[in-house]
PDB file of N, CA and C in Angstrom:
ATOM      1  N   MET A   1     -93.910  11.584  83.419  1.00  0.00           N
ATOM      2  CA  MET A   1     -94.082  10.690  82.304  1.00  0.00           C
ATOM      3  C   MET A   1     -95.296  11.100  81.466  1.00  0.00           C
ATOM      4  N   PHE A   2     -96.402  11.431  82.129  1.00  0.00           N
ATOM      5  CA  PHE A   2     -97.594  11.832  81.392  1.00  0.00           C
ATOM      6  C   PHE A   2     -97.368  13.142  80.644  1.00  0.00           C
ATOM      7  N   ALA A   3     -96.615  14.065  81.246  1.00  0.00           N
ATOM      8  CA  ALA A   3     -96.342  15.359  80.601  1.00  0.00           C
ATOM      9  C   ALA A   3     -95.535  15.143  79.314  1.00  0.00           C
ATOM     10  N   THR A   4     -94.586  14.240  79.334  1.00  0.00           N
ATOM     11  CA  THR A   4     -93.787  13.957  78.145  1.00  0.00           C
ATOM     12  C   THR A   4     -94.654  13.354  77.056  1.00  0.00           C
ATOM     13  N   LEU A   5     -95.486  12.405  77.419  1.00  0.00           N
ATOM     14  CA  LEU A   5     -96.381  11.779  76.461  1.00  0.00           C
ATOM     15  C   LEU A   5     -97.355  12.802  75.873  1.00  0.00           C
ATOM     16  N   ALA A   6     -97.884  13.658  76.722  1.00  0.00           N
ATOM     17  CA  ALA A   6     -98.827  14.680  76.258  1.00  0.00           C
ATOM     18  C   ALA A   6     -98.154  15.660  75.304  1.00  0.00           C
ATOM     19  N   SER A   7     -96.936  16.057  75.598  1.00  0.00           N
ATOM     20  CA  SER A   7     -96.242  17.003  74.717  1.00  0.00           C
ATOM     21  C   SER A   7     -95.909  16.366  73.372  1.00  0.00           C
ATOM     22  N   LYS A   8     -95.533  15.080  73.374  1.00  0.00           N
ATOM     23  CA  LYS A   8     -95.245  14.387  72.115  1.00  0.00           C
ATOM     24  C   LYS A   8     -96.517  14.203  71.292  1.00  0.00           C
ATOM     25  N   LEU A   9     -97.610  13.890  71.953  1.00  0.00           N
ATOM     26  CA  LEU A   9     -98.884  13.730  71.262  1.00  0.00           C
ATOM     27  C   LEU A   9     -99.337  15.063  70.673  1.00  0.00           C
ATOM     28  N   GLU A  10     -99.175  16.134  71.420  1.00  0.00           N
ATOM     29  CA  GLU A  10     -99.540  17.466  70.913  1.00  0.00           C
ATOM     30  C   GLU A  10     -98.697  17.835  69.702  1.00  0.00           C
ATOM     31  N   ALA A  11     -97.396  17.566  69.749  1.00  0.00           N
ATOM     32  CA  ALA A  11     -96.521  17.864  68.612  1.00  0.00           C
ATOM     33  C   ALA A  11     -96.930  17.050  67.390  1.00  0.00           C
ATOM     34  N   PHE A  12     -97.275  15.786  67.592  1.00  0.00           N
ATOM     35  CA  PHE A  12     -97.694  14.939  66.474  1.00  0.00           C
ATOM     36  C   PHE A  12     -98.995  15.442  65.860  1.00  0.00           C
ATOM     37  N   LEU A  13     -99.974  15.770  66.695  1.00  0.00           N
ATOM     38  CA  LEU A  13    -101.258  16.230  66.181  1.00  0.00           C
ATOM     39  C   LEU A  13    -101.133  17.579  65.493  1.00  0.00           C
ATOM     40  N   THR A  14    -100.309  18.463  66.019  1.00  0.00           N
ATOM     41  CA  THR A  14    -100.093  19.759  65.390  1.00  0.00           C
ATOM     42  C   THR A  14     -99.464  19.574  64.023  1.00  0.00           C
ATOM     43  N   THR A  15     -98.480  18.707  63.935  1.00  0.00           N
ATOM     44  CA  THR A  15     -97.827  18.437  62.657  1.00  0.00           C
ATOM     45  C   THR A  15     -98.815  17.809  61.685  1.00  0.00           C
ATOM     46  N   ALA A  16     -99.636  16.887  62.150  1.00  0.00           N
ATOM     47  CA  ALA A  16    -100.629  16.251  61.287  1.00  0.00           C
ATOM     48  C   ALA A  16    -101.638  17.272  60.776  1.00  0.00           C
ATOM     49  N   GLU A  17    -102.065  18.194  61.635  1.00  0.00           N
ATOM     50  CA  GLU A  17    -103.019  19.221  61.209  1.00  0.00           C
ATOM     51  C   GLU A  17    -102.380  20.143  60.173  1.00  0.00           C
ATOM     52  N   ASN A  18    -101.120  20.498  60.378  1.00  0.00           N
ATOM     53  CA  ASN A  18    -100.430  21.343  59.403  1.00  0.00           C
ATOM     54  C   ASN A  18    -100.290  20.636  58.059  1.00  0.00           C
ATOM     55  N   ARG A  19     -99.981  19.348  58.087  1.00  0.00           N
ATOM     56  CA  ARG A  19     -99.867  18.586  56.833  1.00  0.00           C
ATOM     57  C   ARG A  19    -101.213  18.526  56.132  1.00  0.00           C
ATOM     58  N   HIS A  20    -102.265  18.308  56.886  1.00  0.00           N
ATOM     59  CA  HIS A  20    -103.603  18.243  56.304  1.00  0.00           C
ATOM     60  C   HIS A  20    -103.974  19.587  55.680  1.00  0.00           C
ATOM     61  N   ARG A  21    -103.706  20.681  56.380  1.00  0.00           N
ATOM     62  CA  ARG A  21    -103.990  22.020  55.850  1.00  0.00           C
ATOM     63  C   ARG A  21    -103.183  22.291  54.582  1.00  0.00           C
ATOM     64  N   ASP A  22    -101.895  21.956  54.599  1.00  0.00           N
ATOM     65  CA  ASP A  22    -101.055  22.209  53.432  1.00  0.00           C
ATOM     66  C   ASP A  22    -101.491  21.382  52.234  1.00  0.00           C
ATOM     67  N   THR A  23    -101.881  20.140  52.465  1.00  0.00           N
ATOM     68  CA  THR A  23    -102.369  19.290  51.377  1.00  0.00           C
ATOM     69  C   THR A  23    -103.650  19.862  50.797  1.00  0.00           C
ATOM     70  N   TRP A  24    -104.540  20.323  51.668  1.00  0.00           N
ATOM     71  CA  TRP A  24    -105.796  20.917  51.214  1.00  0.00           C
ATOM     72  C   TRP A  24    -105.541  22.184  50.410  1.00  0.00           C
ATOM     73  N   LEU A  25    -104.597  23.013  50.860  1.00  0.00           N
ATOM     74  CA  LEU A  25    -104.273  24.231  50.121  1.00  0.00           C
ATOM     75  C   LEU A  25    -103.587  23.915  48.794  1.00  0.00           C
ATOM     76  N   ASP A  26    -102.781  22.869  48.768  1.00  0.00           N
ATOM     77  CA  ASP A  26    -102.081  22.485  47.534  1.00  0.00           C
ATOM     78  C   ASP A  26    -103.023  22.016  46.441  1.00  0.00           C
ATOM     79  N   THR A  27    -104.201  21.560  46.800  1.00  0.00           N
ATOM     80  CA  THR A  27    -105.137  21.067  45.795  1.00  0.00           C
ATOM     81  C   THR A  27    -105.985  22.178  45.190  1.00  0.00           C
ATOM     82  N   SER A  28    -105.710  23.427  45.523  1.00  0.00           N
ATOM     83  CA  SER A  28    -106.482  24.527  44.942  1.00  0.00           C
ATOM     84  C   SER A  28    -106.204  24.607  43.441  1.00  0.00           C
ATOM     85  N   THR A  29    -107.211  25.023  42.704  1.00  0.00           N
ATOM     86  CA  THR A  29    -107.117  25.006  41.245  1.00  0.00           C
ATOM     87  C   THR A  29    -106.450  26.239  40.665  1.00  0.00           C
ATOM     88  N   ASP A  30    -106.588  27.380  41.322  1.00  0.00           N
ATOM     89  CA  ASP A  30    -105.949  28.602  40.838  1.00  0.00           C
ATOM     90  C   ASP A  30    -105.732  29.540  42.020  1.00  0.00           C
ATOM     91  N   LEU A  31    -105.199  30.722  41.742  1.00  0.00           N
ATOM     92  CA  LEU A  31    -104.878  31.655  42.807  1.00  0.00           C
ATOM     93  C   LEU A  31    -106.119  32.109  43.568  1.00  0.00           C
ATOM     94  N   ALA A  32    -107.204  32.340  42.867  1.00  0.00           N
ATOM     95  CA  ALA A  32    -108.440  32.767  43.535  1.00  0.00           C
ATOM     96  C   ALA A  32    -108.952  31.674  44.476  1.00  0.00           C
ATOM     97  N   ASP A  33    -108.882  30.427  44.047  1.00  0.00           N
ATOM     98  CA  ASP A  33    -109.308  29.312  44.889  1.00  0.00           C
ATOM     99  C   ASP A  33    -108.395  29.197  46.114  1.00  0.00           C
ATOM    100  N   LEU A  34    -107.099  29.384  45.917  1.00  0.00           N
ATOM    101  CA  LEU A  34    -106.159  29.339  47.034  1.00  0.00           C
ATOM    102  C   LEU A  34    -106.466  30.434  48.048  1.00  0.00           C
ATOM    103  N   GLU A  35    -106.709  31.652  47.574  1.00  0.00           N
ATOM    104  CA  GLU A  35    -107.025  32.748  48.481  1.00  0.00           C
ATOM    105  C   GLU A  35    -108.337  32.497  49.222  1.00  0.00           C
ATOM    106  N   ARG A  36    -109.332  31.945  48.531  1.00  0.00           N
ATOM    107  CA  ARG A  36    -110.606  31.629  49.176  1.00  0.00           C
ATOM    108  C   ARG A  36    -110.408  30.585  50.268  1.00  0.00           C
ATOM    109  N   ARG A  37    -109.607  29.570  49.979  1.00  0.00           N
ATOM    110  CA  ARG A  37    -109.338  28.534  50.979  1.00  0.00           C
ATOM    111  C   ARG A  37    -108.566  29.089  52.168  1.00  0.00           C
ATOM    112  N   MET A  38    -107.625  29.982  51.898  1.00  0.00           N
ATOM    113  CA  MET A  38    -106.854  30.579  52.991  1.00  0.00           C
ATOM    114  C   MET A  38    -107.758  31.419  53.893  1.00  0.00           C
ATOM    115  N   ARG A  39    -108.664  32.204  53.289  1.00  0.00           N
ATOM    116  CA  ARG A  39    -109.607  32.991  54.086  1.00  0.00           C
ATOM    117  C   ARG A  39    -110.523  32.075  54.883  1.00  0.00           C
ATOM    118  N   TYR A  40    -110.994  31.002  54.261  1.00  0.00           N
ATOM    119  CA  TYR A  40    -111.866  30.056  54.948  1.00  0.00           C
ATOM    120  C   TYR A  40    -111.138  29.440  56.142  1.00  0.00           C
ATOM    121  N   TYR A  41    -109.903  29.025  55.935  1.00  0.00           N
ATOM    122  CA  TYR A  41    -109.145  28.404  57.016  1.00  0.00           C
ATOM    123  C   TYR A  41    -108.893  29.404  58.140  1.00  0.00           C
ATOM    124  N   ASP A  42    -108.493  30.628  57.780  1.00  0.00           N
ATOM    125  CA  ASP A  42    -108.224  31.635  58.800  1.00  0.00           C
ATOM    126  C   ASP A  42    -109.465  31.977  59.617  1.00  0.00           C
ATOM    127  N   SER A  43    -110.607  32.090  58.955  1.00  0.00           N
ATOM    128  CA  SER A  43    -111.811  32.471  59.679  1.00  0.00           C
ATOM    129  C   SER A  43    -112.365  31.332  60.527  1.00  0.00           C
ATOM    130  N   ASN A  44    -112.092  30.097  60.162  1.00  0.00           N
ATOM    131  CA  ASN A  44    -112.645  28.964  60.904  1.00  0.00           C
ATOM    132  C   ASN A  44    -111.674  28.337  61.897  1.00  0.00           C
ATOM    133  N   HIS A  45    -110.404  28.716  61.848  1.00  0.00           N
ATOM    134  CA  HIS A  45    -109.430  28.107  62.747  1.00  0.00           C
ATOM    135  C   HIS A  45    -108.723  29.125  63.624  1.00  0.00           C
ATOM    136  N   ASN A  46    -109.280  30.300  63.743  1.00  0.00           N
ATOM    137  CA  ASN A  46    -108.690  31.323  64.576  1.00  0.00           C
ATOM    138  C   ASN A  46    -109.797  31.935  65.435  1.00  0.00           C
ATOM    139  N   PRO A  47    -110.189  31.261  66.511  1.00  0.00           N
ATOM    140  CA  PRO A  47    -111.346  31.724  67.276  1.00  0.00           C
ATOM    141  C   PRO A  47    -111.124  33.062  67.970  1.00  0.00           C
ATOM    142  N   PHE A  48    -109.872  33.475  68.167  1.00  0.00           N
ATOM    143  CA  PHE A  48    -109.609  34.734  68.846  1.00  0.00           C
ATOM    144  C   PHE A  48    -109.177  35.828  67.885  1.00  0.00           C
ATOM    145  N   GLY A  49    -109.269  35.560  66.596  1.00  0.00           N
ATOM    146  CA  GLY A  49    -108.889  36.556  65.607  1.00  0.00           C
ATOM    147  C   GLY A  49    -109.947  37.631  65.470  1.00  0.00           C
ATOM    148  N   TRP A  50    -109.532  38.780  65.014  1.00  0.00           N
ATOM    149  CA  TRP A  50    -110.452  39.892  64.830  1.00  0.00           C
ATOM    150  C   TRP A  50    -110.495  40.216  63.352  1.00  0.00           C
ATOM    151  N   HIS A  51    -111.667  40.212  62.779  1.00  0.00           N
ATOM    152  CA  HIS A  51    -111.847  40.492  61.366  1.00  0.00           C
ATOM    153  C   HIS A  51    -112.621  41.791  61.236  1.00  0.00           C
ATOM    154  N   ALA A  52    -112.084  42.724  60.460  1.00  0.00           N
ATOM    155  CA  ALA A  52    -112.700  44.037  60.321  1.00  0.00           C
ATOM    156  C   ALA A  52    -114.088  43.942  59.695  1.00  0.00           C
ATOM    157  N   SER A  53    -114.346  42.904  58.917  1.00  0.00           N
ATOM    158  CA  SER A  53    -115.636  42.791  58.248  1.00  0.00           C
ATOM    159  C   SER A  53    -116.766  42.436  59.214  1.00  0.00           C
ATOM    160  N   SER A  54    -116.441  42.141  60.471  1.00  0.00           N
ATOM    161  CA  SER A  54    -117.487  41.755  61.409  1.00  0.00           C
ATOM    162  C   SER A  54    -118.229  42.956  61.995  1.00  0.00           C
ATOM    163  N   GLY A  55    -117.706  44.156  61.808  1.00  0.00           N
ATOM    164  CA  GLY A  55    -118.370  45.349  62.336  1.00  0.00           C
ATOM    165  C   GLY A  55    -119.024  46.138  61.225  1.00  0.00           C
ATOM    166  N   PRO A  56    -119.800  47.154  61.571  1.00  0.00           N
ATOM    167  CA  PRO A  56    -120.427  47.997  60.554  1.00  0.00           C
ATOM    168  C   PRO A  56    -119.371  48.737  59.732  1.00  0.00           C
ATOM    169  N   ALA A  57    -119.731  49.128  58.511  1.00  0.00           N
ATOM    170  CA  ALA A  57    -118.780  49.761  57.611  1.00  0.00           C
ATOM    171  C   ALA A  57    -118.293  51.098  58.138  1.00  0.00           C
ATOM    172  N   ASP A  58    -119.111  51.840  58.871  1.00  0.00           N
ATOM    173  CA  ASP A  58    -118.697  53.136  59.366  1.00  0.00           C
ATOM    174  C   ASP A  58    -118.118  53.077  60.777  1.00  0.00           C
ATOM    175  N   TRP A  59    -117.894  51.883  61.282  1.00  0.00           N
ATOM    176  CA  TRP A  59    -117.383  51.718  62.622  1.00  0.00           C
ATOM    177  C   TRP A  59    -115.907  52.081  62.720  1.00  0.00           C
ATOM    178  N   TRP A  60    -115.111  51.758  61.717  1.00  0.00           N
ATOM    179  CA  TRP A  60    -113.674  52.016  61.743  1.00  0.00           C
ATOM    180  C   TRP A  60    -113.389  53.340  61.039  1.00  0.00           C
ATOM    181  N   PRO A  61    -112.592  54.224  61.656  1.00  0.00           N
ATOM    182  CA  PRO A  61    -112.345  55.554  61.059  1.00  0.00           C
ATOM    183  C   PRO A  61    -111.575  55.492  59.764  1.00  0.00           C
TER     184      PRO A  61
END
């Protein structure tokens, strides 16, 4: 019973977070603002992501 409740709660919260993100992205004023918001969201909501800009410029061949 708890597993079912937990899975439904997780699905609801995930959907709510996606709606919040989409609403925030929809309020961008132009393409540059949209791209800036997308980069901001990706860098702050992906803790295991790897961004090439985090290393020195001569690090990658």
